[in-house]
Protein backbone atom coordinates (compact mmCIF):
# COMPACT_ATOMS: atom_id res chain seq x y z
CA UNK A 1 -93.08 0.53 11.00
CA UNK A 2 -94.22 3.28 13.21
CA UNK A 3 -94.95 6.57 11.36
CA UNK A 4 -94.73 9.07 14.13
CA UNK A 5 -97.19 11.96 14.37
CA UNK A 6 -96.21 15.22 13.13
CA UNK A 7 -95.90 16.49 16.87
CA UNK A 8 -93.21 13.67 17.49
CA UNK A 9 -89.91 14.94 18.59
CA UNK A 10 -88.50 12.47 16.09
CA UNK A 11 -90.47 13.41 13.01
CA UNK A 12 -87.89 15.10 11.07
CA UNK A 13 -85.38 12.06 11.54
CA UNK A 14 -87.83 9.36 10.69
CA UNK A 15 -88.79 11.15 7.43
CA UNK A 16 -85.17 11.72 6.24
CA UNK A 17 -83.30 8.75 7.28
CA UNK A 18 -83.71 6.60 4.19
CA UNK A 19 -81.30 7.29 1.24
CA UNK A 20 -83.77 8.77 -1.18
CA UNK A 21 -85.56 11.21 1.22
CA UNK A 22 -81.99 12.29 2.55
CA UNK A 23 -80.45 12.95 -0.73
CA UNK A 24 -83.65 14.97 -1.66
CA UNK A 25 -83.26 17.00 1.43
CA UNK A 26 -79.54 17.61 0.67
CA UNK A 27 -80.30 18.57 -2.89
CA UNK A 28 -83.08 20.91 -2.01
CA UNK A 29 -80.80 22.60 0.53
CA UNK A 30 -78.14 23.07 -2.15
CA UNK A 31 -80.54 24.26 -4.76
CA UNK A 32 -81.82 26.91 -2.35
CA UNK A 33 -78.44 27.86 -0.98
CA UNK A 34 -77.32 31.44 -1.25
CA UNK A 35 -73.88 30.41 -2.01
CA UNK A 36 -72.18 27.19 -2.80
CA UNK A 37 -68.54 26.15 -2.15
CA UNK A 38 -66.46 23.15 -3.28
CA UNK A 39 -65.34 21.02 -0.36
CA UNK A 40 -62.25 18.88 -0.02
CA UNK A 41 -63.63 15.97 -1.68
CA UNK A 42 -65.01 18.11 -4.59
CA UNK A 43 -68.35 17.81 -3.23
CA UNK A 44 -70.72 20.85 -3.40
CA UNK A 45 -71.54 22.49 -0.07
CA UNK A 46 -74.47 24.91 0.14
CA UNK A 47 -74.89 27.74 2.70
CA UNK A 48 -78.26 29.45 3.29
CA UNK A 49 -78.60 32.80 4.77
CA UNK A 50 -80.47 32.72 7.89
CA UNK A 51 -82.03 35.54 10.14
CA UNK A 52 -83.43 35.25 13.41
CA UNK A 53 -85.68 38.40 14.18
CA UNK A 54 -85.79 37.36 17.96
CA UNK A 55 -81.93 37.66 18.34
CA UNK A 56 -80.91 40.07 15.84
CA UNK A 57 -83.44 41.31 12.93
CA UNK A 58 -80.60 43.09 11.15
CA UNK A 59 -78.02 40.20 10.83
CA UNK A 60 -77.99 37.36 8.35
CA UNK A 61 -75.85 34.19 9.14
CA UNK A 62 -74.73 31.63 6.69
CA UNK A 63 -75.85 27.92 7.90
CA UNK A 64 -74.43 24.70 6.06
CA UNK A 65 -76.44 21.65 5.73
CA UNK A 66 -74.67 20.02 8.72
CA UNK A 67 -75.84 23.13 10.76
CA UNK A 68 -79.29 22.58 9.83
CA UNK A 69 -79.16 18.88 10.84
CA UNK A 70 -77.53 19.93 14.25
CA UNK A 71 -80.34 22.31 14.84
CA UNK A 72 -82.87 19.48 14.15
CA UNK A 73 -81.00 17.34 16.60
CA UNK A 74 -81.46 20.04 19.22
CA UNK A 75 -85.16 20.37 18.47
CA UNK A 76 -85.52 16.64 19.00
CA UNK A 77 -83.59 16.63 22.03
CA UNK A 78 -85.57 19.38 23.76
CA UNK A 79 -88.70 18.00 22.38
CA UNK A 80 -88.12 14.67 24.24
CA UNK A 81 -87.15 16.30 27.29
CA UNK A 82 -89.90 18.86 27.26
CA UNK A 83 -92.60 16.03 26.38
CA UNK A 84 -91.44 13.91 29.39
CA UNK A 85 -91.66 17.13 31.73
CA UNK A 86 -95.12 17.75 30.58
CA UNK A 87 -96.49 14.39 31.40
CA UNK A 88 -95.81 15.29 35.10
CA UNK A 89 -94.62 11.90 36.24
CA UNK A 90 -97.53 9.93 34.74
CA UNK A 91 -95.58 6.82 34.75
CA UNK A 92 -97.71 4.84 32.24
CA UNK A 93 -97.81 7.64 29.71
CA UNK A 94 -94.08 8.32 30.16
CA UNK A 95 -93.31 4.67 29.48
CA UNK A 96 -95.46 4.60 26.34
CA UNK A 97 -93.82 7.69 24.97
CA UNK A 98 -90.30 6.36 25.65
CA UNK A 99 -91.24 2.94 24.02
CA UNK A 100 -92.38 4.70 20.86
CA UNK A 101 -89.25 6.80 20.73
CA UNK A 102 -87.04 3.82 21.18
CA UNK A 103 -88.79 1.92 18.35
CA UNK A 104 -88.49 4.91 15.99
CA UNK A 105 -84.73 5.32 17.02
CA UNK A 106 -84.21 1.63 16.19
CA UNK A 107 -85.96 1.91 12.80
CA UNK A 108 -83.81 4.93 11.96
CA UNK A 109 -80.59 3.32 13.02
CA UNK A 110 -81.42 0.29 10.69
CA UNK A 111 -81.81 2.75 7.72
CA UNK A 112 -78.52 4.42 8.51
CA UNK A 113 -76.77 1.28 8.65
CA UNK A 114 -77.68 0.50 5.19
CA UNK A 115 -76.05 3.40 3.70
CA UNK A 116 -72.80 4.89 4.67
CA UNK A 117 -73.63 8.22 2.89
CA UNK A 118 -76.15 8.83 5.69
CA UNK A 119 -73.41 9.21 8.25
CA UNK A 120 -71.39 11.97 6.50
CA UNK A 121 -73.18 14.99 7.94
CA UNK A 122 -73.40 13.87 11.57
CA UNK A 123 -76.60 11.89 11.36
CA UNK A 124 -75.14 8.83 13.11
CA UNK A 125 -74.00 10.94 16.14
CA UNK A 126 -77.26 12.55 16.51
CA UNK A 127 -79.22 9.39 16.75
CA UNK A 128 -76.61 7.85 19.13
CA UNK A 129 -76.94 10.90 21.39
CA UNK A 130 -80.72 10.85 21.22
CA UNK A 131 -80.71 7.18 22.13
CA UNK A 132 -78.46 7.56 24.94
CA UNK A 133 -80.87 10.27 26.61
CA UNK A 134 -83.17 7.47 27.78
CA UNK A 135 -80.68 5.14 29.31
CA UNK A 136 -78.74 7.92 31.07
CA UNK A 137 -81.72 10.07 32.32
CA UNK A 138 -84.85 7.88 32.31
CA UNK A 139 -83.68 4.46 33.19
CA UNK A 140 -86.18 4.09 35.94
CA UNK A 141 -89.09 3.89 33.34
CA UNK A 142 -87.28 1.14 31.26
CA UNK A 143 -88.37 -2.42 31.03
CA UNK A 144 -86.56 -5.16 29.51
CA UNK A 145 -87.93 -4.67 26.15
CA UNK A 146 -86.93 -0.92 26.09
CA UNK A 147 -83.48 -1.69 27.19
CA UNK A 148 -83.19 -4.25 24.25
CA UNK A 149 -84.19 -1.47 21.76
CA UNK A 150 -81.57 0.73 23.16
CA UNK A 151 -78.86 -2.07 22.90
CA UNK A 152 -80.18 -2.79 19.37
CA UNK A 153 -79.85 0.74 18.14
CA UNK A 154 -76.34 1.00 19.68
CA UNK A 155 -75.25 -2.26 18.09
CA UNK A 156 -76.65 -1.19 14.60
CA UNK A 157 -74.48 1.86 14.68
CA UNK A 158 -71.46 0.44 16.57
CA UNK A 159 -68.10 1.33 14.95
CA UNK A 160 -69.63 4.00 12.61
CA UNK A 161 -68.22 7.36 12.45
CA UNK A 162 -69.58 10.74 11.05
CA UNK A 163 -67.27 12.92 9.21
CA UNK A 164 -65.83 15.50 11.30
CA UNK A 165 -67.22 14.16 14.62
CA UNK A 166 -65.47 11.60 16.68
CA UNK A 167 -68.00 11.69 19.41
CA UNK A 168 -65.84 14.08 21.66
CA UNK A 169 -67.45 14.74 25.09
CA UNK A 170 -68.83 18.08 25.76
CA UNK A 171 -67.80 19.32 29.16
CA UNK A 172 -68.79 22.38 31.16
CA UNK A 173 -66.48 25.07 32.07
CA UNK A 174 -63.54 24.62 34.41
CA UNK A 175 -63.86 27.15 37.28
CA UNK A 176 -60.50 28.26 38.46
CA UNK A 177 -61.29 29.94 41.81
CA UNK A 178 -62.74 28.78 45.17
CA UNK A 179 -66.17 27.10 44.54
CA UNK A 180 -68.14 29.21 46.90
CA UNK A 181 -67.74 32.06 44.53
CA UNK A 182 -69.93 30.30 41.93
CA UNK A 183 -73.08 30.99 44.27
CA UNK A 184 -71.90 34.64 44.63
CA UNK A 185 -71.79 35.01 40.92
CA UNK A 186 -75.13 33.50 40.50
CA UNK A 187 -76.56 35.95 43.03
CA UNK A 188 -75.34 38.67 41.08
CA UNK A 189 -76.77 37.81 37.71
CA UNK A 190 -79.88 35.93 38.82
CA UNK A 191 -83.10 37.45 37.37
CA UNK A 192 -81.05 39.95 35.53
CA UNK A 193 -79.17 37.70 32.98
CA UNK A 194 -80.53 34.27 33.93
CA UNK A 195 -84.00 33.22 35.04
CA UNK A 196 -84.13 31.68 38.46
CA UNK A 197 -86.83 29.06 38.64
CA UNK A 198 -85.93 27.55 41.84
CA UNK A 199 -83.56 24.85 40.31
CA UNK A 200 -81.20 27.09 38.59
CA UNK A 201 -78.67 27.56 41.21
CA UNK A 202 -77.95 23.80 41.12
CA UNK A 203 -77.68 23.90 37.43
CA UNK A 204 -75.38 26.93 37.54
CA UNK A 205 -72.89 25.03 39.66
CA UNK A 206 -72.81 22.36 37.10
CA UNK A 207 -71.96 25.05 34.38
CA UNK A 208 -68.52 25.32 36.15
CA UNK A 209 -68.05 21.61 37.18
CA UNK A 210 -65.65 20.59 34.21
CA UNK A 211 -67.80 17.53 33.86
CA UNK A 212 -69.64 15.96 30.91
CA UNK A 213 -72.95 17.53 29.91
CA UNK A 214 -75.15 14.74 28.40
CA UNK A 215 -78.26 16.78 28.19
CA UNK A 216 -79.17 20.39 28.09
CA UNK A 217 -79.05 22.36 31.43
CA UNK A 218 -81.44 24.89 29.76
CA UNK A 219 -80.64 27.88 31.90
CA UNK A 220 -82.61 30.58 30.40
CA UNK A 221 -80.78 33.66 29.32
CA UNK A 222 -82.89 36.77 29.78
CA UNK A 223 -81.22 38.96 27.02
CA UNK A 224 -82.24 38.66 23.49
CA UNK A 225 -78.89 39.45 22.19
CA UNK A 226 -76.50 36.47 21.93
CA UNK A 227 -73.63 38.89 21.89
CA UNK A 228 -74.35 39.54 25.68
CA UNK A 229 -74.03 35.84 26.46
CA UNK A 230 -70.73 35.45 24.33
CA UNK A 231 -69.36 38.79 26.08
CA UNK A 232 -70.36 37.38 29.67
CA UNK A 233 -68.33 34.17 28.81
CA UNK A 234 -65.51 36.26 27.49
CA UNK A 235 -65.51 38.39 30.66
CA UNK A 236 -65.20 35.33 32.94
CA UNK A 237 -62.31 34.04 30.71
CA UNK A 238 -60.45 37.44 30.63
CA UNK A 239 -60.53 37.99 34.43
CA UNK A 240 -59.07 34.29 34.90
CA UNK A 241 -62.34 32.81 36.37
CA UNK A 242 -62.69 30.06 33.96
CA UNK A 243 -60.27 28.15 31.80
CA UNK A 244 -60.40 29.20 28.27
CA UNK A 245 -61.88 27.14 25.45
CA UNK A 246 -59.70 28.14 22.47
CA UNK A 247 -61.86 26.86 19.65
CA UNK A 248 -64.91 28.72 18.92
CA UNK A 249 -66.84 25.65 17.70
CA UNK A 250 -66.20 23.78 20.99
CA UNK A 251 -67.07 26.87 22.95
CA UNK A 252 -70.33 27.16 21.04
CA UNK A 253 -71.18 23.45 21.83
CA UNK A 254 -70.69 24.08 25.53
CA UNK A 255 -72.91 27.15 25.45
CA UNK A 256 -75.52 25.35 23.42
CA UNK A 257 -75.69 22.61 26.21
CA UNK A 258 -76.01 25.22 29.04
CA UNK A 259 -78.08 28.07 27.97
CA UNK A 260 -81.41 28.54 26.03
CA UNK A 261 -83.46 31.44 25.11
CA UNK A 262 -85.71 33.20 27.84
CA UNK A 263 -88.73 31.01 26.43
CA UNK A 264 -86.66 27.66 26.89
CA UNK A 265 -86.05 27.14 23.40
CA UNK A 266 -82.49 26.37 21.94
CA UNK A 267 -80.51 29.33 20.36
CA UNK A 268 -80.40 28.60 16.75
CA UNK A 269 -77.01 28.37 15.06
CA UNK A 270 -74.67 29.29 17.83
CA UNK A 271 -71.83 27.71 16.01
CA UNK A 272 -72.36 30.03 13.17
CA UNK A 273 -72.99 33.25 15.39
CA UNK A 274 -70.13 32.76 17.64
CA UNK A 275 -67.85 33.44 14.66
CA UNK A 276 -69.44 36.46 13.68
CA UNK A 277 -69.40 38.00 17.15
CA UNK A 278 -67.38 40.96 17.79
CA UNK A 279 -67.00 42.66 21.21
CA UNK A 280 -66.77 46.14 19.56
CA UNK A 281 -70.15 45.82 17.83
CA UNK A 282 -72.02 43.95 20.63
CA UNK A 283 -74.88 45.58 22.49
CA UNK A 284 -75.15 44.23 26.11
CA UNK A 285 -75.81 47.33 28.04
CA UNK A 286 -77.14 45.52 31.20
CA UNK A 287 -73.78 43.66 31.30
CA UNK A 288 -71.61 46.91 30.60
CA UNK A 289 -73.47 49.29 33.04
CA UNK A 290 -74.60 47.21 35.78
CA UNK A 291 -73.27 43.66 36.15
CA UNK A 292 -69.83 44.17 34.62
CA UNK A 293 -68.59 46.25 37.41
CA UNK A 294 -70.07 43.77 40.29
CA UNK A 295 -68.43 40.80 38.66
CA UNK A 296 -65.19 42.41 38.41
CA UNK A 297 -65.44 43.49 42.04
CA UNK A 298 -66.28 39.99 43.05
CA UNK A 299 -63.24 38.69 41.56
CA UNK A 300 -60.94 41.61 42.22
CA UNK A 301 -58.57 39.54 44.24
CA UNK A 302 -58.00 37.58 41.26
CA UNK A 303 -57.24 40.55 39.20
CA UNK A 304 -54.69 41.96 41.52
């Protein structure tokens, strides 16, 4: 069995994919919880107060054990992508890294397959999604052995379902106007709300393609406040530019797959914060004073 180095993107999951370590992780979370509720199956559900000084140093948020696992999944996903990017097309090093990851994922899948309890908080779905990254986006680096490892992991978890997660696809926003206005919108907000690294415009078009998002686009949001990001999406919805996503949880998943913090790291706990967001309390001066009028003017024909 491979024991990953601490800097491995999969370190958290390999350490907590056996029954004893998983139960200890869950129990420690509940014991440190700031509040505990009783779930539908009479199970104890813990919630920990969380504060991110980089986003809002004055606001605490409750996160559940499942929320915490999801954040670890995002860290692993970003870690894999960033590690491969950092290898700068060194084929041999990339292949070695992918091979190690696929062996670890296969081992994790074997452990999960032994105990159904390991599926209840979404662990199964996270491993499936991490496994699929390599086949969907790095196929050119795979040899026969690596392809067999991907199949082995998929087969080990085939037919299993995580409580509350049926593997629903995450699709980008549906743009309701003529496509050329996407580029016009990009030109208004680039280097003000989003960082343009030369590839951002093409990614921005994907934001409104209504197609499945299989990996994070990592469009860097330049404002610290998540409220400004939520408000920007609300603005496009209110004007009738994009189709509304009614469920906040679904909207949060889409935003998570599209945007990152300005340093490229994922926003933590978007699923929790989107429920606490209030337009009246949000501080998004750059959107309000400068960009809001320009966006409204761009789509004024839609509003009349």
